[in-house]
Amino acid sequence: MPSPRDLEIARVLGWYRIPLRTAPKVVAVDYLAFYQPATFGAGHKWCVEFIAEVRGHELLTRAQILKEEADHPRADEEYFKLQLGPLASLPEPIQAGDWKRLTFLYTTGERLLNAGSIGELGVHDEERQVLWRALRERASASQQYGASDLPELPADADLLALLGLLGSDGLAQKASQ
């Protein structure tokens, strides 16, 4: 999760974007856990505090996802847009320890809920084989890139403007975009 703005987009609008060029091999997962880097400031940096259920995904350009950033240098690059359920707080944040930079890793729900540090999330030996088999099966079953039908989220224009998601014509972009 690069910035607090991205966390607010995930929380309020129910989606998260991942550049295709840096995405993990399989994005059809049950949940995402969000690592918060230094941009989150004291008390919230270098840890995982939130998770969200992944309800679907689609492949779009950055310009299609963030319409107000049509002139962005990466506007034509492809991104996965993951549709999310509500964000949930972990009972205790998972601290990074020596890991200050993290992109993606696969783990199990049990490890996620019991980890005291990010180093404890790694899956090894037989458990790793079971996890990869499940991920491969899920990826095979999810060959299409289309978000599931989700209801429109009610969003107030002031909130969308605060998140930078208000169109240049003054009309708020649909929350599901």
C-alpha atoms as a PDB file:
ATOM      1  CA  MET A   1       0.000   0.000   0.000  1.00  0.00           C
ATOM      2  CA  PRO A   2       2.076   2.941  -1.218  1.00  0.00           C
ATOM      3  CA  SER A   3       0.245   5.773   0.578  1.00  0.00           C
ATOM      4  CA  PRO A   4      -2.544   6.645   3.007  1.00  0.00           C
ATOM      5  CA  ARG A   5      -4.561   7.904  -0.011  1.00  0.00           C
ATOM      6  CA  ASP A   6      -4.459   4.399  -1.513  1.00  0.00           C
ATOM      7  CA  LEU A   7      -5.653   2.944   1.804  1.00  0.00           C
ATOM      8  CA  GLU A   8      -8.587   5.381   1.801  1.00  0.00           C
ATOM      9  CA  ILE A   9      -9.485   4.419  -1.766  1.00  0.00           C
ATOM     10  CA  ALA A  10      -9.472   0.748  -0.721  1.00  0.00           C
ATOM     11  CA  ARG A  11     -11.531   1.512   2.388  1.00  0.00           C
ATOM     12  CA  VAL A  12     -14.098   3.854   0.820  1.00  0.00           C
ATOM     13  CA  LEU A  13     -14.306   2.761  -2.821  1.00  0.00           C
ATOM     14  CA  GLY A  14     -13.464  -0.915  -2.402  1.00  0.00           C
ATOM     15  CA  TRP A  15     -10.596  -1.399  -4.867  1.00  0.00           C
ATOM     16  CA  TYR A  16      -6.831  -1.574  -5.044  1.00  0.00           C
ATOM     17  CA  ARG A  17      -4.533  -1.365  -8.078  1.00  0.00           C
ATOM     18  CA  ILE A  18      -1.363  -3.316  -8.819  1.00  0.00           C
ATOM     19  CA  PRO A  19       0.845  -2.588 -11.839  1.00  0.00           C
ATOM     20  CA  LEU A  20       0.914  -5.644 -14.114  1.00  0.00           C
ATOM     21  CA  ARG A  21       4.701  -5.361 -14.499  1.00  0.00           C
ATOM     22  CA  THR A  22       5.235  -5.851 -10.739  1.00  0.00           C
ATOM     23  CA  ALA A  23       2.187  -7.983  -9.899  1.00  0.00           C
ATOM     24  CA  PRO A  24       2.517 -11.396  -8.299  1.00  0.00           C
ATOM     25  CA  LYS A  25       1.964 -14.433 -10.529  1.00  0.00           C
ATOM     26  CA  VAL A  26      -1.515 -15.075  -9.127  1.00  0.00           C
ATOM     27  CA  VAL A  27      -3.876 -12.264  -8.105  1.00  0.00           C
ATOM     28  CA  ALA A  28      -6.930 -14.522  -7.689  1.00  0.00           C
ATOM     29  CA  VAL A  29      -6.489 -14.885  -3.927  1.00  0.00           C
ATOM     30  CA  ASP A  30      -8.912 -14.899  -1.011  1.00  0.00           C
ATOM     31  CA  TYR A  31      -7.494 -11.906   0.873  1.00  0.00           C
ATOM     32  CA  LEU A  32      -4.955  -9.108   0.599  1.00  0.00           C
ATOM     33  CA  ALA A  33      -2.988  -7.906   3.587  1.00  0.00           C
ATOM     34  CA  PHE A  34      -1.693  -4.368   3.187  1.00  0.00           C
ATOM     35  CA  TYR A  35       1.892  -3.536   4.139  1.00  0.00           C
ATOM     36  CA  GLN A  36       2.252   0.124   5.116  1.00  0.00           C
ATOM     37  CA  PRO A  37       5.619   1.722   4.310  1.00  0.00           C
ATOM     38  CA  ALA A  38       7.210   4.841   5.857  1.00  0.00           C
ATOM     39  CA  THR A  39       4.643   7.116   4.136  1.00  0.00           C
ATOM     40  CA  PHE A  40       2.138   6.104   6.843  1.00  0.00           C
ATOM     41  CA  GLY A  41       4.129   7.882   9.568  1.00  0.00           C
ATOM     42  CA  ALA A  42       4.865   7.109  13.186  1.00  0.00           C
ATOM     43  CA  GLY A  43       2.776   4.360  14.728  1.00  0.00           C
ATOM     44  CA  HIS A  44       1.525   3.060  11.365  1.00  0.00           C
ATOM     45  CA  LYS A  45       4.650   2.594   9.241  1.00  0.00           C
ATOM     46  CA  TRP A  46       6.431  -0.665   8.480  1.00  0.00           C
ATOM     47  CA  CYS A  47       3.591  -2.964   9.454  1.00  0.00           C
ATOM     48  CA  VAL A  48       0.455  -4.730   8.280  1.00  0.00           C
ATOM     49  CA  GLU A  49      -2.681  -3.435  10.006  1.00  0.00           C
ATOM     50  CA  PHE A  50      -5.464  -4.208   7.513  1.00  0.00           C
ATOM     51  CA  ILE A  51      -6.728  -7.029   5.328  1.00  0.00           C
ATOM     52  CA  ALA A  52      -9.571  -7.212   2.811  1.00  0.00           C
ATOM     53  CA  GLU A  53     -11.349  -9.993   0.959  1.00  0.00           C
ATOM     54  CA  VAL A  54     -10.648 -10.037  -2.787  1.00  0.00           C
ATOM     55  CA  ARG A  55     -13.981 -10.260  -4.621  1.00  0.00           C
ATOM     56  CA  GLY A  56     -12.743 -10.058  -8.203  1.00  0.00           C
ATOM     57  CA  HIS A  57     -10.205  -8.479 -10.497  1.00  0.00           C
ATOM     58  CA  GLU A  58      -9.857  -7.008 -13.955  1.00  0.00           C
ATOM     59  CA  LEU A  59      -7.014  -5.801 -16.149  1.00  0.00           C
ATOM     60  CA  LEU A  60      -7.222  -2.110 -17.116  1.00  0.00           C
ATOM     61  CA  THR A  61      -4.919   0.767 -17.923  1.00  0.00           C
ATOM     62  CA  ARG A  62      -4.024   3.237 -15.214  1.00  0.00           C
ATOM     63  CA  ALA A  63      -5.980   5.913 -17.147  1.00  0.00           C
ATOM     64  CA  GLN A  64      -9.108   3.729 -17.044  1.00  0.00           C
ATOM     65  CA  ILE A  65      -8.764   3.284 -13.286  1.00  0.00           C
ATOM     66  CA  LEU A  66      -7.736   6.835 -12.373  1.00  0.00           C
ATOM     67  CA  LYS A  67      -9.559   8.946 -14.942  1.00  0.00           C
ATOM     68  CA  GLU A  68      -8.387  12.205 -13.386  1.00  0.00           C
ATOM     69  CA  GLU A  69      -4.758  11.167 -14.035  1.00  0.00           C
ATOM     70  CA  ALA A  70      -5.074  10.731 -17.814  1.00  0.00           C
ATOM     71  CA  ASP A  71      -1.807  12.654 -18.334  1.00  0.00           C
ATOM     72  CA  HIS A  72       0.163  10.526 -15.860  1.00  0.00           C
ATOM     73  CA  PRO A  73       3.448   9.145 -17.319  1.00  0.00           C
ATOM     74  CA  ARG A  74       2.161   5.583 -16.730  1.00  0.00           C
ATOM     75  CA  ALA A  75      -1.418   6.278 -17.911  1.00  0.00           C
ATOM     76  CA  ASP A  76      -1.191   3.631 -20.665  1.00  0.00           C
ATOM     77  CA  GLU A  77       0.356   0.906 -18.489  1.00  0.00           C
ATOM     78  CA  GLU A  78      -1.794  -2.067 -17.498  1.00  0.00           C
ATOM     79  CA  TYR A  79      -2.875  -2.579 -13.906  1.00  0.00           C
ATOM     80  CA  PHE A  80      -4.888  -5.170 -12.080  1.00  0.00           C
ATOM     81  CA  LYS A  81      -7.849  -3.545 -10.362  1.00  0.00           C
ATOM     82  CA  LEU A  82      -8.835  -5.765  -7.455  1.00  0.00           C
ATOM     83  CA  GLN A  83     -12.371  -5.403  -6.103  1.00  0.00           C
ATOM     84  CA  LEU A  84     -12.307  -5.628  -2.324  1.00  0.00           C
ATOM     85  CA  GLY A  85     -14.664  -6.320   0.515  1.00  0.00           C
ATOM     86  CA  PRO A  86     -14.572  -4.132   3.622  1.00  0.00           C
ATOM     87  CA  LEU A  87     -11.179  -3.541   5.229  1.00  0.00           C
ATOM     88  CA  ALA A  88     -10.714  -5.335   8.536  1.00  0.00           C
ATOM     89  CA  SER A  89      -8.159  -4.484  11.201  1.00  0.00           C
ATOM     90  CA  LEU A  90      -5.885  -7.239  12.426  1.00  0.00           C
ATOM     91  CA  PRO A  91      -6.091  -7.819  16.205  1.00  0.00           C
ATOM     92  CA  GLU A  92      -2.440  -6.717  16.443  1.00  0.00           C
ATOM     93  CA  PRO A  93      -0.388  -5.107  13.649  1.00  0.00           C
ATOM     94  CA  ILE A  94       2.264  -7.367  12.123  1.00  0.00           C
ATOM     95  CA  GLN A  95       5.552  -5.508  12.493  1.00  0.00           C
ATOM     96  CA  ALA A  96       8.128  -5.460   9.707  1.00  0.00           C
ATOM     97  CA  GLY A  97      11.176  -5.832  11.934  1.00  0.00           C
ATOM     98  CA  ASP A  98      14.160  -5.710   9.579  1.00  0.00           C
ATOM     99  CA  TRP A  99      11.911  -5.866   6.484  1.00  0.00           C
ATOM    100  CA  LYS A 100      11.419  -2.235   5.484  1.00  0.00           C
ATOM    101  CA  ARG A 101      10.468  -2.895   1.854  1.00  0.00           C
ATOM    102  CA  LEU A 102       7.977  -5.551   0.818  1.00  0.00           C
ATOM    103  CA  THR A 103       6.141  -6.153  -2.434  1.00  0.00           C
ATOM    104  CA  PHE A 104       4.138  -9.380  -2.447  1.00  0.00           C
ATOM    105  CA  LEU A 105       4.273 -12.700  -0.670  1.00  0.00           C
ATOM    106  CA  TYR A 106       1.833 -15.565  -0.313  1.00  0.00           C
ATOM    107  CA  THR A 107       0.904 -16.923   3.090  1.00  0.00           C
ATOM    108  CA  THR A 108      -1.940 -18.712   4.829  1.00  0.00           C
ATOM    109  CA  GLY A 109      -4.729 -17.251   6.928  1.00  0.00           C
ATOM    110  CA  GLU A 110      -3.439 -19.076   9.994  1.00  0.00           C
ATOM    111  CA  ARG A 111       0.044 -17.603   9.611  1.00  0.00           C
ATOM    112  CA  LEU A 112      -1.383 -14.145   8.993  1.00  0.00           C
ATOM    113  CA  LEU A 113      -3.498 -14.217  12.136  1.00  0.00           C
ATOM    114  CA  ASN A 114      -0.711 -15.627  14.327  1.00  0.00           C
ATOM    115  CA  ALA A 115       2.345 -13.749  13.031  1.00  0.00           C
ATOM    116  CA  GLY A 116       4.124 -11.277  15.288  1.00  0.00           C
ATOM    117  CA  SER A 117       6.454 -10.168  12.505  1.00  0.00           C
ATOM    118  CA  ILE A 118       6.481 -10.261   8.712  1.00  0.00           C
ATOM    119  CA  GLY A 119       9.332 -12.780   8.811  1.00  0.00           C
ATOM    120  CA  GLU A 120       6.866 -15.291  10.315  1.00  0.00           C
ATOM    121  CA  LEU A 121       4.568 -15.153   7.275  1.00  0.00           C
ATOM    122  CA  GLY A 122       6.799 -17.294   5.065  1.00  0.00           C
ATOM    123  CA  VAL A 123       5.455 -20.718   4.104  1.00  0.00           C
ATOM    124  CA  HIS A 124       7.930 -23.611   3.951  1.00  0.00           C
ATOM    125  CA  ASP A 125       8.232 -27.323   3.215  1.00  0.00           C
ATOM    126  CA  GLU A 126       5.007 -29.340   2.745  1.00  0.00           C
ATOM    127  CA  GLU A 127       2.779 -26.393   3.596  1.00  0.00           C
ATOM    128  CA  ARG A 128       4.362 -24.435   0.713  1.00  0.00           C
ATOM    129  CA  GLN A 129       3.517 -27.223  -1.758  1.00  0.00           C
ATOM    130  CA  VAL A 130      -0.107 -27.267  -0.579  1.00  0.00           C
ATOM    131  CA  LEU A 131      -0.348 -23.469  -0.864  1.00  0.00           C
ATOM    132  CA  TRP A 132       1.125 -23.386  -4.398  1.00  0.00           C
ATOM    133  CA  ARG A 133      -1.167 -26.199  -5.536  1.00  0.00           C
ATOM    134  CA  ALA A 134      -4.179 -24.236  -4.251  1.00  0.00           C
ATOM    135  CA  LEU A 135      -2.947 -21.047  -5.946  1.00  0.00           C
ATOM    136  CA  ARG A 136      -2.420 -22.865  -9.271  1.00  0.00           C
ATOM    137  CA  GLU A 137      -5.914 -24.367  -9.104  1.00  0.00           C
ATOM    138  CA  ARG A 138      -7.420 -21.000  -8.324  1.00  0.00           C
ATOM    139  CA  ALA A 139      -5.496 -19.324 -11.172  1.00  0.00           C
ATOM    140  CA  SER A 140      -6.670 -22.015 -13.613  1.00  0.00           C
ATOM    141  CA  ALA A 141     -10.274 -21.557 -12.530  1.00  0.00           C
ATOM    142  CA  SER A 142      -9.986 -17.781 -12.902  1.00  0.00           C
ATOM    143  CA  GLN A 143      -8.727 -17.381 -16.460  1.00  0.00           C
ATOM    144  CA  GLN A 144     -10.928 -14.371 -17.196  1.00  0.00           C
ATOM    145  CA  TYR A 145     -10.096 -10.841 -16.098  1.00  0.00           C
ATOM    146  CA  GLY A 146     -13.423  -9.352 -15.108  1.00  0.00           C
ATOM    147  CA  ALA A 147     -14.561  -7.904 -11.818  1.00  0.00           C
ATOM    148  CA  SER A 148     -17.577  -9.482 -10.235  1.00  0.00           C
ATOM    149  CA  ASP A 149     -20.780  -7.492 -10.326  1.00  0.00           C
ATOM    150  CA  LEU A 150     -20.670  -5.268  -7.286  1.00  0.00           C
ATOM    151  CA  PRO A 151     -23.243  -2.770  -6.100  1.00  0.00           C
ATOM    152  CA  GLU A 152     -22.550   0.931  -6.522  1.00  0.00           C
ATOM    153  CA  LEU A 153     -21.002   2.459  -3.414  1.00  0.00           C
ATOM    154  CA  PRO A 154     -22.646   5.615  -2.178  1.00  0.00           C
ATOM    155  CA  ALA A 155     -19.975   8.294  -2.089  1.00  0.00           C
ATOM    156  CA  ASP A 156     -20.336  11.941  -1.334  1.00  0.00           C
ATOM    157  CA  ALA A 157     -18.761  14.426  -3.783  1.00  0.00           C
ATOM    158  CA  ASP A 158     -16.701  16.110  -1.019  1.00  0.00           C
ATOM    159  CA  LEU A 159     -15.210  12.745  -0.047  1.00  0.00           C
ATOM    160  CA  LEU A 160     -14.361  11.911  -3.670  1.00  0.00           C
ATOM    161  CA  ALA A 161     -12.776  15.346  -4.092  1.00  0.00           C
ATOM    162  CA  LEU A 162     -10.700  14.754  -0.955  1.00  0.00           C
ATOM    163  CA  LEU A 163      -9.441  11.467  -2.413  1.00  0.00           C
ATOM    164  CA  GLY A 164      -8.695  13.187  -5.729  1.00  0.00           C
ATOM    165  CA  LEU A 165     -11.353  11.163  -7.543  1.00  0.00           C
ATOM    166  CA  LEU A 166     -13.577  14.014  -8.654  1.00  0.00           C
ATOM    167  CA  GLY A 167     -13.610  14.430 -12.425  1.00  0.00           C
ATOM    168  CA  SER A 168     -12.498  17.659 -14.071  1.00  0.00           C
ATOM    169  CA  ASP A 169     -16.077  18.289 -15.204  1.00  0.00           C
ATOM    170  CA  GLY A 170     -17.174  18.450 -11.561  1.00  0.00           C
ATOM    171  CA  LEU A 171     -19.020  15.146 -11.641  1.00  0.00           C
ATOM    172  CA  ALA A 172     -17.827  12.360  -9.378  1.00  0.00           C
ATOM    173  CA  GLN A 173     -16.573   9.234 -11.109  1.00  0.00           C
ATOM    174  CA  LYS A 174     -18.673   6.160 -10.353  1.00  0.00           C
ATOM    175  CA  ALA A 175     -17.405   4.449  -7.221  1.00  0.00           C
ATOM    176  CA  SER A 176     -17.129   1.120  -9.000  1.00  0.00           C
ATOM    177  CA  GLN A 177     -14.678   2.456 -11.597  1.00  0.00           C
END
